[in-house]
Amino acid sequence: MTRLAPPAAIQPDAGGGALPAELQARFAVQQQAFAGDGFPSGAARLDRLERLRRLVEENEDRFAQAISADFGHRAREETLIAEVFFVLAGLAHARKHLGRWMKPRRVATSFHSLPGSSSIVPQPLGVIGIVSPWNYPLQLALAPAVAALAAGNRVMIKPSELTPRFSELLAHSIAAAFAADECTVITGDADTGRAFVRLPFNHLFFTGSTAVGRQVGLAAAANLTPVTLELGGKSPAILDHSCDLPDSARKIAAGKLFNAGQTCIAPDYVLVPAAQQQAFVDAFTLAVGELYPTLERNPDYTSIVNQRHYSRLEGLADDARRAGARVIEINPGGEAQEPGSRKMRPKLVLQVTGEMSVMREEIFGPLLPVIGYEQLGDALAFVNARPRPLALYWFGRDAAREEQVLRDSISGGVTVNDVLLHIAQENLPFGGVGDSGIGAYHGEYGFRLFSKEKPVFRQSRFGGTALTRPPYGQRSAWVIAALKRLV
C-alpha cells in the first residue's frame, strides 16, 4: 500500500506575514487527523455530538456565571433560553436525523445517459474554522460546531476576546471532552483573530459585524477559503393597520430588550402607521414597565457588555437629539443610575431622519427608532432603499398585505406576528443576504454547508456512449440529430 505524505507545512499568505507557530501547529494536527480519517463513521460522529451534549449540560451553570461576569450582569435565564437550550435543541435534532443526512441521495439521470445512475454523496470538507462573537458566545460558537461535527469535520473555534471568562471556560471544557485533533478552542486578542482567519481552512464560518465580515472575507480570499458570513444590519419591524397594536408592542419590547438589545436579529427600528405612532409609544412604554418594573437592580435586565459599547449607544442617542429627534427614555422604577452601572434605560427615538447615525448604524442595544408611514408601499420602499436586513418582522392580520410584504422585500429571514423566532426553527435555514451575510445554516442546512455534495455518475455496462466516439461520420450525425429531437 502506498503511504501518503503528510500535509505540507502551512505557508503564510502573500500579504499577512508569518502565522504564529502554535496556531500553525494546532491547525496541522487537525489536518493530519483528517487525512487519516476523512470520512468518520456515523457512530464516531454521534459520539462527538454526545460528548458535546454532556459538556453543555454539565457546565451550563458555569457558562451562565462566566457570561454574566463578562457582561457585568446577564440574567441566567437568558443564557439558558438563548444559548444552552438552543445548542441542546440543535444537538438533539442533528443526532436524530444524522443517519438520513449521511446517506447518498439518488437523483434522476439525464435520458441520454440511461441506464446509468446518478447520486450525491455528502463528504466532510476537512478542517472548519469558526469565529464567534461576544453577544451570544456559547450559542454562536457551538451551533455551527454542531453542524460541522455532524458533517464529519475537524473544528477550530476562535471565541471573542470581549468575553474572556467565557472563552477560557469554553477552551478548558472543550479540551476536557475532545482530542485536540477533533475540536479545539483558540483564545487570544484581536491579533490572534486576524491570524486565525488567515489559516487555509476548508471552510471559515464567521459571526459578527458587517465591517469585520468584509475583512474576514478578504483574508479568506487569499487562500480561496469558502466563507459563511453571519452578519447583522438594521432589521425592521412593520406594523400594519390590521395588527393588534398592544400585543405587537409587547412582543417587540420583549424581543428588543432581550439581552438588552445586543442581538443581531433584534428589531432595529419600527415602521408604524402614522396615525398610530403615539399609541405605539404608549403601548411600548407600558410593555417595558410590565417586563422590567425596575431596571438598575433588576436581575432580569442585562448590562451592556462594556463601557465602549455603552458610550457608543449614548452617542447614537445624543447625535439624534442634536439633529432634531425626540428621544424618550423609559425608566419604569424612576431609579437613579448607580455609578459604573451599564444597565441602559430603553429609549424610543422619534422624528428621525436617514442622516442620523441611529439610522445608518446597526444599533445593538436598547434604542428603538419609531417611524410613521402612510401606505404599506411607503414602508416597503423605506426598507428596500437600505441594505438588505438579516431579519424582517411583520405584524398584521391582513393576508393580502402579508403576502405583499413577503413578495416585495428581501431579508435573511422573516417572523410574522412575533420577533426572533425564525432563528429557533431547526428546519429553516438561518442566514443573511447582501450586507447581512453570505450562506445559511441550522439543521440539515448546516450539515450540507459543511459537506462537499459530491456528484457521482455510475455508468451501466449497457451505456451507449460508444455511439458518440470517433471516428465521426453518418452514424454520429444520426445520433446527434436523434438527441436534439429528444431534448
Protein backbone atom coordinates (compact mmCIF):
# COMPACT_ATOMS: atom_id res chain seq x y z
CA MET A 1 0.00 0.00 0.00
CA THR A 2 1.29 3.45 -0.88
CA ARG A 3 1.58 5.69 2.17
CA LEU A 4 0.52 9.28 1.53
CA ALA A 5 2.88 12.05 2.54
CA PRO A 6 1.80 14.22 5.47
CA PRO A 7 0.32 17.63 4.70
CA ALA A 8 2.84 20.30 3.82
CA ALA A 9 3.67 22.95 6.38
CA ILE A 10 1.36 25.94 6.36
CA GLN A 11 2.80 28.86 4.46
CA PRO A 12 1.95 32.46 5.30
CA ASP A 13 -0.38 34.13 2.85
CA ALA A 14 1.01 36.69 0.45
CA GLY A 15 0.08 39.79 2.42
CA GLY A 16 -0.17 38.77 6.07
CA GLY A 17 3.29 37.76 7.24
CA ALA A 18 4.17 34.66 9.23
CA LEU A 19 1.47 32.91 11.20
CA PRO A 20 2.08 32.14 14.91
CA ALA A 21 3.85 28.80 15.30
CA GLU A 22 1.38 27.42 17.86
CA LEU A 23 -1.55 28.30 15.65
CA GLN A 24 0.09 26.58 12.69
CA ALA A 25 0.85 23.53 14.80
CA ARG A 26 -2.70 23.16 16.09
CA PHE A 27 -4.05 23.51 12.58
CA ALA A 28 -1.57 20.93 11.26
CA VAL A 29 -2.69 18.42 13.93
CA GLN A 30 -6.25 18.66 12.67
CA GLN A 31 -5.19 18.46 9.02
CA GLN A 32 -3.21 15.28 9.71
CA ALA A 33 -6.08 13.72 11.66
CA PHE A 34 -8.49 14.41 8.82
CA ALA A 35 -6.03 12.94 6.32
CA GLY A 36 -6.05 9.73 8.37
CA ASP A 37 -9.84 9.59 8.77
CA GLY A 38 -11.53 11.69 6.14
CA PHE A 39 -14.94 10.07 6.40
CA PRO A 40 -15.79 9.38 10.06
CA SER A 41 -18.46 6.77 10.65
CA GLY A 42 -21.91 7.68 11.85
CA ALA A 43 -21.04 6.17 15.23
CA ALA A 44 -17.95 8.38 15.55
CA ARG A 45 -19.94 11.49 14.69
CA LEU A 46 -22.71 10.61 17.13
CA ASP A 47 -20.10 10.09 19.84
CA ARG A 48 -18.72 13.57 19.24
CA LEU A 49 -22.19 15.08 19.37
CA GLU A 50 -22.94 13.18 22.57
CA ARG A 51 -19.76 14.47 24.19
CA LEU A 52 -20.72 18.00 23.20
CA ARG A 53 -24.17 17.50 24.70
CA ARG A 54 -22.70 16.32 28.01
CA LEU A 55 -20.26 19.23 28.00
CA VAL A 56 -23.08 21.77 27.65
CA GLU A 57 -25.34 20.15 30.24
CA GLU A 58 -22.61 19.64 32.82
CA ASN A 59 -21.30 23.20 32.50
CA GLU A 60 -24.47 25.20 31.97
CA ASP A 61 -24.31 26.97 35.32
CA ARG A 62 -20.61 27.79 34.92
CA PHE A 63 -21.25 29.07 31.41
CA ALA A 64 -24.08 31.29 32.68
CA GLN A 65 -21.93 32.63 35.52
CA ALA A 66 -18.96 33.34 33.24
CA ILE A 67 -21.11 35.12 30.66
CA SER A 68 -22.80 37.20 33.36
CA ALA A 69 -19.41 38.19 34.77
CA ASP A 70 -18.18 39.18 31.31
CA PHE A 71 -21.25 41.34 30.69
CA GLY A 72 -21.31 42.90 34.14
CA HIS A 73 -24.64 41.16 34.55
CA ARG A 74 -26.81 38.93 32.42
CA ALA A 75 -29.86 37.03 33.60
CA ARG A 76 -29.15 33.33 33.99
CA GLU A 77 -32.47 32.60 32.31
CA GLU A 78 -31.44 34.47 29.16
CA THR A 79 -28.34 32.28 28.86
CA LEU A 80 -30.34 29.11 29.48
CA ILE A 81 -33.03 30.04 26.92
CA ALA A 82 -30.99 31.59 24.13
CA GLU A 83 -27.77 29.63 24.47
CA VAL A 84 -27.95 26.36 26.43
CA PHE A 85 -31.40 25.29 25.21
CA PHE A 86 -30.64 26.49 21.68
CA VAL A 87 -27.48 24.36 21.42
CA LEU A 88 -29.10 21.32 23.05
CA ALA A 89 -32.06 21.54 20.66
CA GLY A 90 -29.68 21.67 17.70
CA LEU A 91 -27.76 18.67 19.04
CA ALA A 92 -30.93 16.64 19.54
CA HIS A 93 -32.09 17.45 16.01
CA ALA A 94 -28.73 16.52 14.49
CA ARG A 95 -28.47 13.24 16.39
CA LYS A 96 -31.99 12.27 15.36
CA HIS A 97 -31.50 12.94 11.65
CA LEU A 98 -27.79 12.30 11.12
CA GLY A 99 -28.24 8.85 9.61
CA ARG A 100 -30.55 10.19 6.91
CA TRP A 101 -28.34 13.20 6.21
CA MET A 102 -25.29 10.99 5.67
CA LYS A 103 -26.93 8.69 3.13
CA PRO A 104 -26.15 9.18 -0.57
CA ARG A 105 -29.16 10.65 -2.37
CA ARG A 106 -30.27 9.18 -5.68
CA VAL A 107 -31.20 11.78 -8.28
CA ALA A 108 -32.63 11.46 -11.76
CA THR A 109 -30.23 10.70 -14.61
CA SER A 110 -30.42 12.56 -17.90
CA PHE A 111 -32.17 10.46 -20.55
CA HIS A 112 -29.12 10.40 -22.83
CA SER A 113 -27.05 8.67 -20.12
CA LEU A 114 -29.53 5.95 -19.19
CA PRO A 115 -29.36 3.24 -17.94
CA GLY A 116 -26.57 4.81 -15.87
CA SER A 117 -27.40 6.20 -12.41
CA SER A 118 -26.64 9.41 -10.52
CA SER A 119 -26.29 10.18 -6.83
CA ILE A 120 -24.99 12.83 -4.45
CA VAL A 121 -22.61 11.78 -1.67
CA PRO A 122 -22.16 14.24 1.26
CA GLN A 123 -18.47 14.24 2.15
CA PRO A 124 -16.71 16.08 5.01
CA LEU A 125 -14.71 19.11 3.91
CA GLY A 126 -11.79 18.90 6.34
CA VAL A 127 -10.86 21.49 8.98
CA ILE A 128 -13.50 24.11 9.76
CA GLY A 129 -12.70 27.47 11.37
CA ILE A 130 -15.38 29.17 13.47
CA VAL A 131 -15.07 32.78 14.66
CA SER A 132 -17.77 33.58 17.22
CA PRO A 133 -18.87 36.93 18.73
CA TRP A 134 -19.45 38.13 22.28
CA ASN A 135 -23.21 38.72 22.33
CA TYR A 136 -24.26 35.03 22.44
CA PRO A 137 -20.84 33.46 22.99
CA LEU A 138 -21.99 29.90 23.71
CA GLN A 139 -24.68 29.63 21.06
CA LEU A 140 -22.68 31.20 18.25
CA ALA A 141 -19.58 29.13 18.96
CA LEU A 142 -21.28 25.77 19.36
CA ALA A 143 -24.28 25.89 16.99
CA PRO A 144 -22.03 25.94 13.89
CA ALA A 145 -19.73 23.42 15.60
CA VAL A 146 -22.67 21.02 15.92
CA ALA A 147 -23.22 21.18 12.16
CA ALA A 148 -19.51 20.87 11.36
CA LEU A 149 -19.00 17.86 13.63
CA ALA A 150 -22.16 16.18 12.36
CA ALA A 151 -20.81 16.56 8.83
CA GLY A 152 -17.62 14.74 9.89
CA ASN A 153 -15.17 17.64 10.05
CA ARG A 154 -12.48 18.76 12.47
CA VAL A 155 -13.22 22.08 14.17
CA MET A 156 -11.23 25.05 15.47
CA ILE A 157 -13.10 27.80 17.34
CA LYS A 158 -11.90 31.37 17.99
CA PRO A 159 -14.27 32.98 20.54
CA SER A 160 -14.40 36.71 21.23
CA GLU A 161 -11.80 38.43 23.38
CA LEU A 162 -14.61 40.62 24.78
CA THR A 163 -15.92 37.68 26.86
CA PRO A 164 -12.62 36.38 28.29
CA ARG A 165 -14.03 34.41 31.23
CA PHE A 166 -16.39 32.50 28.99
CA SER A 167 -13.74 31.96 26.32
CA GLU A 168 -11.30 30.43 28.83
CA LEU A 169 -14.04 28.21 30.27
CA LEU A 170 -15.05 27.04 26.80
CA ALA A 171 -11.41 26.28 25.94
CA HIS A 172 -10.94 24.17 29.07
CA SER A 173 -14.30 22.40 28.64
CA ILE A 174 -13.64 21.51 25.01
CA ALA A 175 -10.10 20.32 25.85
CA ALA A 176 -11.51 18.01 28.52
CA ALA A 177 -14.11 16.48 26.18
CA PHE A 178 -12.30 16.34 22.83
CA ALA A 179 -8.90 15.43 21.48
CA ALA A 180 -7.07 18.41 20.02
CA ASP A 181 -7.37 16.87 16.55
CA GLU A 182 -11.19 16.71 16.85
CA CYS A 183 -12.23 20.09 18.24
CA THR A 184 -10.15 22.83 19.83
CA VAL A 185 -10.54 26.42 21.02
CA ILE A 186 -8.05 29.20 20.28
CA THR A 187 -8.19 32.09 22.75
CA GLY A 188 -6.50 35.42 22.30
CA ASP A 189 -6.86 39.03 21.29
CA ALA A 190 -7.82 40.66 18.00
CA ASP A 191 -4.36 39.96 16.55
CA THR A 192 -4.91 36.26 17.22
CA GLY A 193 -8.25 36.54 15.47
CA ARG A 194 -6.65 38.15 12.44
CA ALA A 195 -4.07 35.35 12.26
CA PHE A 196 -6.78 32.72 12.76
CA VAL A 197 -8.79 33.79 9.70
CA ARG A 198 -5.63 33.63 7.55
CA LEU A 199 -5.30 29.87 8.10
CA PRO A 200 -6.18 27.84 4.98
CA PHE A 201 -9.33 26.29 6.40
CA ASN A 202 -11.56 24.13 4.24
CA HIS A 203 -14.42 26.42 5.32
CA LEU A 204 -14.44 29.53 7.50
CA PHE A 205 -17.55 30.48 9.46
CA PHE A 206 -17.76 34.00 10.91
CA THR A 207 -20.46 35.67 13.00
CA GLY A 208 -20.07 39.37 13.70
CA SER A 209 -20.38 42.84 12.25
CA THR A 210 -20.58 43.64 8.56
CA ALA A 211 -17.39 45.75 8.74
CA VAL A 212 -15.32 42.94 10.26
CA GLY A 213 -17.01 40.41 7.97
CA ARG A 214 -15.58 42.26 4.96
CA GLN A 215 -12.08 41.94 6.44
CA VAL A 216 -12.61 38.25 7.13
CA GLY A 217 -13.76 37.68 3.55
CA LEU A 218 -10.65 39.40 2.21
CA ALA A 219 -8.36 37.33 4.43
CA ALA A 220 -10.05 34.09 3.41
CA ALA A 221 -9.84 35.00 -0.28
CA ALA A 222 -6.04 34.79 -0.14
CA ASN A 223 -6.41 31.03 0.42
CA LEU A 224 -9.57 30.64 -1.69
CA THR A 225 -11.25 29.54 1.54
CA PRO A 226 -15.04 29.40 1.21
CA VAL A 227 -16.75 31.53 3.84
CA THR A 228 -20.07 31.80 5.60
CA LEU A 229 -20.63 35.28 6.99
CA GLU A 230 -23.41 35.70 9.54
CA LEU A 231 -23.57 39.47 9.92
CA GLY A 232 -26.21 41.92 11.08
CA GLY A 233 -27.73 45.14 9.91
CA LYS A 234 -30.88 47.07 10.61
CA SER A 235 -33.79 44.64 10.93
CA PRO A 236 -37.16 46.41 10.59
CA ALA A 237 -40.47 45.67 12.26
CA ILE A 238 -43.50 46.76 10.22
CA LEU A 239 -46.83 47.21 11.99
CA ASP A 240 -49.81 47.01 9.65
CA HIS A 241 -53.08 48.86 10.13
CA SER A 242 -54.65 45.44 10.82
CA CYS A 243 -52.33 44.45 13.69
CA ASP A 244 -53.19 44.08 17.36
CA LEU A 245 -51.10 47.07 18.39
CA PRO A 246 -50.78 46.44 22.17
CA ASP A 247 -49.84 42.79 21.55
CA SER A 248 -47.37 43.80 18.83
CA ALA A 249 -45.76 46.38 21.10
CA ARG A 250 -45.36 43.81 23.90
CA LYS A 251 -43.66 41.33 21.56
CA ILE A 252 -41.37 43.97 20.08
CA ALA A 253 -40.42 45.21 23.56
CA ALA A 254 -39.64 41.67 24.73
CA GLY A 255 -37.52 40.93 21.67
CA LYS A 256 -35.78 44.30 21.63
CA LEU A 257 -34.82 44.19 25.31
CA PHE A 258 -33.80 40.53 25.45
CA ASN A 259 -30.06 40.67 26.18
CA ALA A 260 -30.54 44.47 26.33
CA GLY A 261 -30.91 44.58 22.55
CA GLN A 262 -27.48 43.02 21.95
CA THR A 263 -28.91 40.58 19.41
CA CYS A 264 -28.14 40.52 15.70
CA ILE A 265 -31.80 39.94 14.79
CA ALA A 266 -33.32 42.32 17.35
CA PRO A 267 -35.84 44.76 15.85
CA ASP A 268 -33.64 47.73 14.91
CA TYR A 269 -36.41 50.17 14.03
CA VAL A 270 -40.21 50.14 13.82
CA LEU A 271 -42.42 51.37 10.99
CA VAL A 272 -45.89 52.28 12.31
CA PRO A 273 -48.95 53.76 10.58
CA ALA A 274 -48.54 57.49 11.20
CA ALA A 275 -51.92 57.82 12.93
CA GLN A 276 -50.93 55.08 15.42
CA GLN A 277 -47.44 56.31 16.24
CA GLN A 278 -48.30 57.75 19.65
CA ALA A 279 -50.41 54.72 20.50
CA PHE A 280 -47.37 52.55 19.81
CA VAL A 281 -45.16 54.74 22.02
CA ASP A 282 -47.68 54.40 24.85
CA ALA A 283 -48.07 50.63 24.39
CA PHE A 284 -44.31 50.05 24.17
CA THR A 285 -43.68 52.12 27.31
CA LEU A 286 -46.37 50.17 29.17
CA ALA A 287 -44.88 46.87 28.00
CA VAL A 288 -41.40 47.83 29.23
CA GLY A 289 -42.84 48.52 32.68
CA GLU A 290 -44.57 45.13 32.71
CA LEU A 291 -41.42 43.29 31.65
CA TYR A 292 -38.98 45.26 33.82
CA PRO A 293 -40.72 47.14 36.68
CA THR A 294 -37.25 48.28 37.70
CA LEU A 295 -34.01 48.32 35.72
CA GLU A 296 -30.99 49.13 37.87
CA ARG A 297 -31.12 46.24 40.33
CA ASN A 298 -33.40 44.00 38.30
CA PRO A 299 -31.76 40.56 37.87
CA ASP A 300 -33.75 40.05 34.65
CA TYR A 301 -32.25 43.05 32.84
CA THR A 302 -28.88 42.65 31.15
CA SER A 303 -25.99 45.10 31.13
CA ILE A 304 -24.30 46.50 28.05
CA VAL A 305 -21.19 44.37 27.57
CA ASN A 306 -18.56 47.08 28.17
CA GLN A 307 -18.10 50.82 28.58
CA ARG A 308 -17.07 51.32 24.96
CA HIS A 309 -20.36 49.90 23.68
CA TYR A 310 -22.32 51.80 26.35
CA SER A 311 -20.70 55.07 25.26
CA ARG A 312 -21.35 54.24 21.61
CA LEU A 313 -25.07 53.80 22.32
CA GLU A 314 -25.23 57.04 24.32
CA GLY A 315 -23.50 58.71 21.38
CA LEU A 316 -26.19 57.47 18.99
CA ALA A 317 -28.91 58.96 21.20
CA ASP A 318 -27.04 62.25 21.64
CA ASP A 319 -26.41 62.54 17.88
CA ALA A 320 -30.13 62.03 17.21
CA ARG A 321 -31.10 64.70 19.76
CA ARG A 322 -28.70 67.22 18.26
CA ALA A 323 -30.13 66.53 14.81
CA GLY A 324 -33.70 67.22 15.99
CA ALA A 325 -35.01 63.80 17.07
CA ARG A 326 -37.23 63.37 20.08
CA VAL A 327 -35.70 60.80 22.46
CA ILE A 328 -38.00 59.24 25.08
CA GLU A 329 -36.13 57.49 27.90
CA ILE A 330 -38.13 54.79 29.69
CA ASN A 331 -37.37 54.28 33.38
CA PRO A 332 -40.33 52.44 34.94
CA GLY A 333 -38.99 52.46 38.51
CA GLY A 334 -37.74 56.03 38.39
CA GLU A 335 -34.35 54.90 39.71
CA ALA A 336 -31.15 56.88 39.66
CA GLN A 337 -28.35 55.12 37.80
CA GLU A 338 -25.70 53.61 40.03
CA PRO A 339 -22.08 54.72 39.42
CA GLY A 340 -20.38 52.40 36.95
CA SER A 341 -23.59 50.64 36.01
CA ARG A 342 -24.06 49.75 32.36
CA LYS A 343 -27.78 48.98 32.59
CA MET A 344 -29.05 51.30 29.90
CA ARG A 345 -32.57 52.71 30.03
CA PRO A 346 -34.58 51.79 26.94
CA LYS A 347 -35.05 54.75 24.60
CA LEU A 348 -37.55 55.41 21.82
CA VAL A 349 -36.28 57.76 19.12
CA LEU A 350 -38.90 59.69 17.13
CA GLN A 351 -38.69 62.20 14.26
CA VAL A 352 -35.57 60.51 12.91
CA THR A 353 -34.01 61.18 9.53
CA GLY A 354 -31.89 58.94 7.35
CA GLU A 355 -28.79 61.05 8.00
CA MET A 356 -28.76 60.35 11.75
CA SER A 357 -26.23 57.78 12.96
CA VAL A 358 -29.01 55.86 14.67
CA MET A 359 -30.49 55.18 11.22
CA ARG A 360 -27.19 54.44 9.48
CA GLU A 361 -25.55 52.10 12.01
CA GLU A 362 -26.71 48.82 13.49
CA ILE A 363 -27.87 49.79 16.99
CA PHE A 364 -27.19 46.61 19.00
CA GLY A 365 -28.71 48.00 22.17
CA PRO A 366 -31.98 49.21 23.75
CA LEU A 367 -32.59 52.18 21.41
CA LEU A 368 -35.58 51.91 19.08
CA PRO A 369 -36.34 54.45 16.32
CA VAL A 370 -40.07 54.72 15.54
CA ILE A 371 -41.03 55.94 12.06
CA GLY A 372 -44.52 56.75 10.80
CA TYR A 373 -45.76 55.80 7.34
CA GLU A 374 -48.95 56.36 5.35
CA GLN A 375 -49.20 53.43 2.92
CA LEU A 376 -47.63 49.96 3.14
CA GLY A 377 -45.82 50.65 -0.11
CA ASP A 378 -44.10 53.61 1.59
CA ALA A 379 -42.86 51.37 4.41
CA LEU A 380 -41.55 48.79 1.96
CA ALA A 381 -39.83 51.48 -0.11
CA PHE A 382 -38.12 52.73 3.06
CA VAL A 383 -36.84 49.22 3.86
CA ASN A 384 -35.81 48.47 0.29
CA ALA A 385 -33.82 51.69 -0.03
CA ARG A 386 -31.41 50.36 2.61
CA PRO A 387 -29.02 47.38 2.74
CA ARG A 388 -30.88 44.08 2.98
CA PRO A 389 -31.54 43.21 6.63
CA LEU A 390 -30.83 39.98 8.47
CA ALA A 391 -34.45 39.80 9.69
CA LEU A 392 -37.80 41.42 8.97
CA TYR A 393 -40.86 41.37 11.23
CA TRP A 394 -44.42 41.99 10.08
CA PHE A 395 -47.42 42.37 12.37
CA GLY A 396 -50.92 42.22 10.97
CA ARG A 397 -53.98 40.12 10.15
CA ASP A 398 -54.47 41.09 6.51
CA ALA A 399 -53.34 38.11 4.40
CA ALA A 400 -53.01 40.13 1.19
CA ARG A 401 -50.73 42.71 2.79
CA GLU A 402 -48.69 39.98 4.46
CA GLU A 403 -48.14 38.44 1.03
CA GLN A 404 -47.17 41.86 -0.33
CA VAL A 405 -44.52 42.24 2.37
CA LEU A 406 -43.11 38.74 1.76
CA ARG A 407 -43.09 39.27 -2.01
CA ASP A 408 -41.77 42.83 -2.16
CA SER A 409 -38.99 42.74 0.44
CA ILE A 410 -35.73 40.78 0.68
CA SER A 411 -34.25 39.81 4.04
CA GLY A 412 -32.35 36.97 5.63
CA GLY A 413 -35.47 35.66 7.38
CA VAL A 414 -38.97 36.67 8.47
CA THR A 415 -41.11 36.20 11.55
CA VAL A 416 -44.79 37.12 11.23
CA ASN A 417 -46.63 38.44 14.30
CA ASP A 418 -43.65 37.97 16.60
CA VAL A 419 -39.90 38.58 16.64
CA LEU A 420 -36.72 36.47 16.74
CA LEU A 421 -38.43 33.09 16.49
CA HIS A 422 -37.43 32.12 12.93
CA ILE A 423 -33.90 31.56 14.25
CA ALA A 424 -35.16 28.80 16.57
CA GLN A 425 -36.63 26.60 13.81
CA GLU A 426 -34.25 23.72 13.05
CA ASN A 427 -35.95 23.01 9.72
CA LEU A 428 -35.45 26.57 8.47
CA PRO A 429 -32.12 27.91 7.18
CA PHE A 430 -30.73 30.86 9.09
CA GLY A 431 -28.52 33.40 7.34
CA GLY A 432 -28.34 36.83 5.80
CA VAL A 433 -28.39 38.28 2.32
CA GLY A 434 -26.19 41.01 0.89
CA ASP A 435 -24.72 43.19 3.64
CA SER A 436 -26.33 40.97 6.30
CA GLY A 437 -24.46 37.83 5.31
CA ILE A 438 -23.50 35.02 2.98
CA GLY A 439 -24.70 31.45 3.43
CA ALA A 440 -27.07 29.81 5.91
CA TYR A 441 -27.06 27.02 8.48
CA HIS A 442 -29.10 25.23 11.19
CA GLY A 443 -30.32 21.65 10.99
CA GLU A 444 -29.78 19.91 7.67
CA TYR A 445 -28.75 23.21 6.08
CA GLY A 446 -25.77 23.34 8.42
CA PHE A 447 -24.83 19.74 7.66
CA ARG A 448 -24.87 20.46 3.93
CA LEU A 449 -22.98 23.74 4.42
CA PHE A 450 -20.03 21.86 5.91
CA SER A 451 -20.17 18.99 3.40
CA LYS A 452 -19.00 18.65 -0.17
CA GLU A 453 -22.05 17.40 -2.01
CA LYS A 454 -20.10 15.18 -4.34
CA PRO A 455 -21.88 14.24 -7.59
CA VAL A 456 -21.37 10.62 -8.67
CA PHE A 457 -22.39 9.10 -12.01
CA ARG A 458 -22.22 5.33 -12.43
CA GLN A 459 -22.08 4.06 -15.96
CA SER A 460 -24.02 0.95 -16.88
CA ARG A 461 -22.34 -1.77 -18.92
CA PHE A 462 -25.19 -1.17 -21.35
CA GLY A 463 -24.34 2.53 -21.72
CA GLY A 464 -24.43 3.92 -25.25
CA THR A 465 -21.53 6.39 -25.18
CA ALA A 466 -19.67 4.33 -27.80
CA LEU A 467 -22.10 5.80 -30.35
CA THR A 468 -20.67 9.28 -29.74
CA ARG A 469 -16.96 8.43 -30.13
CA PRO A 470 -14.74 8.95 -33.16
CA PRO A 471 -14.37 8.21 -35.95
CA TYR A 472 -17.28 10.53 -36.70
CA GLY A 473 -19.46 10.04 -39.74
CA GLN A 474 -23.02 9.27 -40.73
CA ARG A 475 -23.69 7.31 -37.55
CA SER A 476 -22.64 10.20 -35.28
CA ALA A 477 -24.73 12.62 -37.35
CA TRP A 478 -27.76 10.36 -36.88
CA VAL A 479 -27.13 10.10 -33.10
CA ILE A 480 -26.75 13.90 -32.71
CA ALA A 481 -29.96 14.53 -34.68
CA ALA A 482 -31.82 11.98 -32.55
CA LEU A 483 -30.59 13.52 -29.31
CA LYS A 484 -31.60 17.01 -30.44
CA ARG A 485 -35.13 15.78 -31.21
CA LEU A 486 -35.41 14.33 -27.73
CA VAL A 487 -34.33 17.48 -25.86
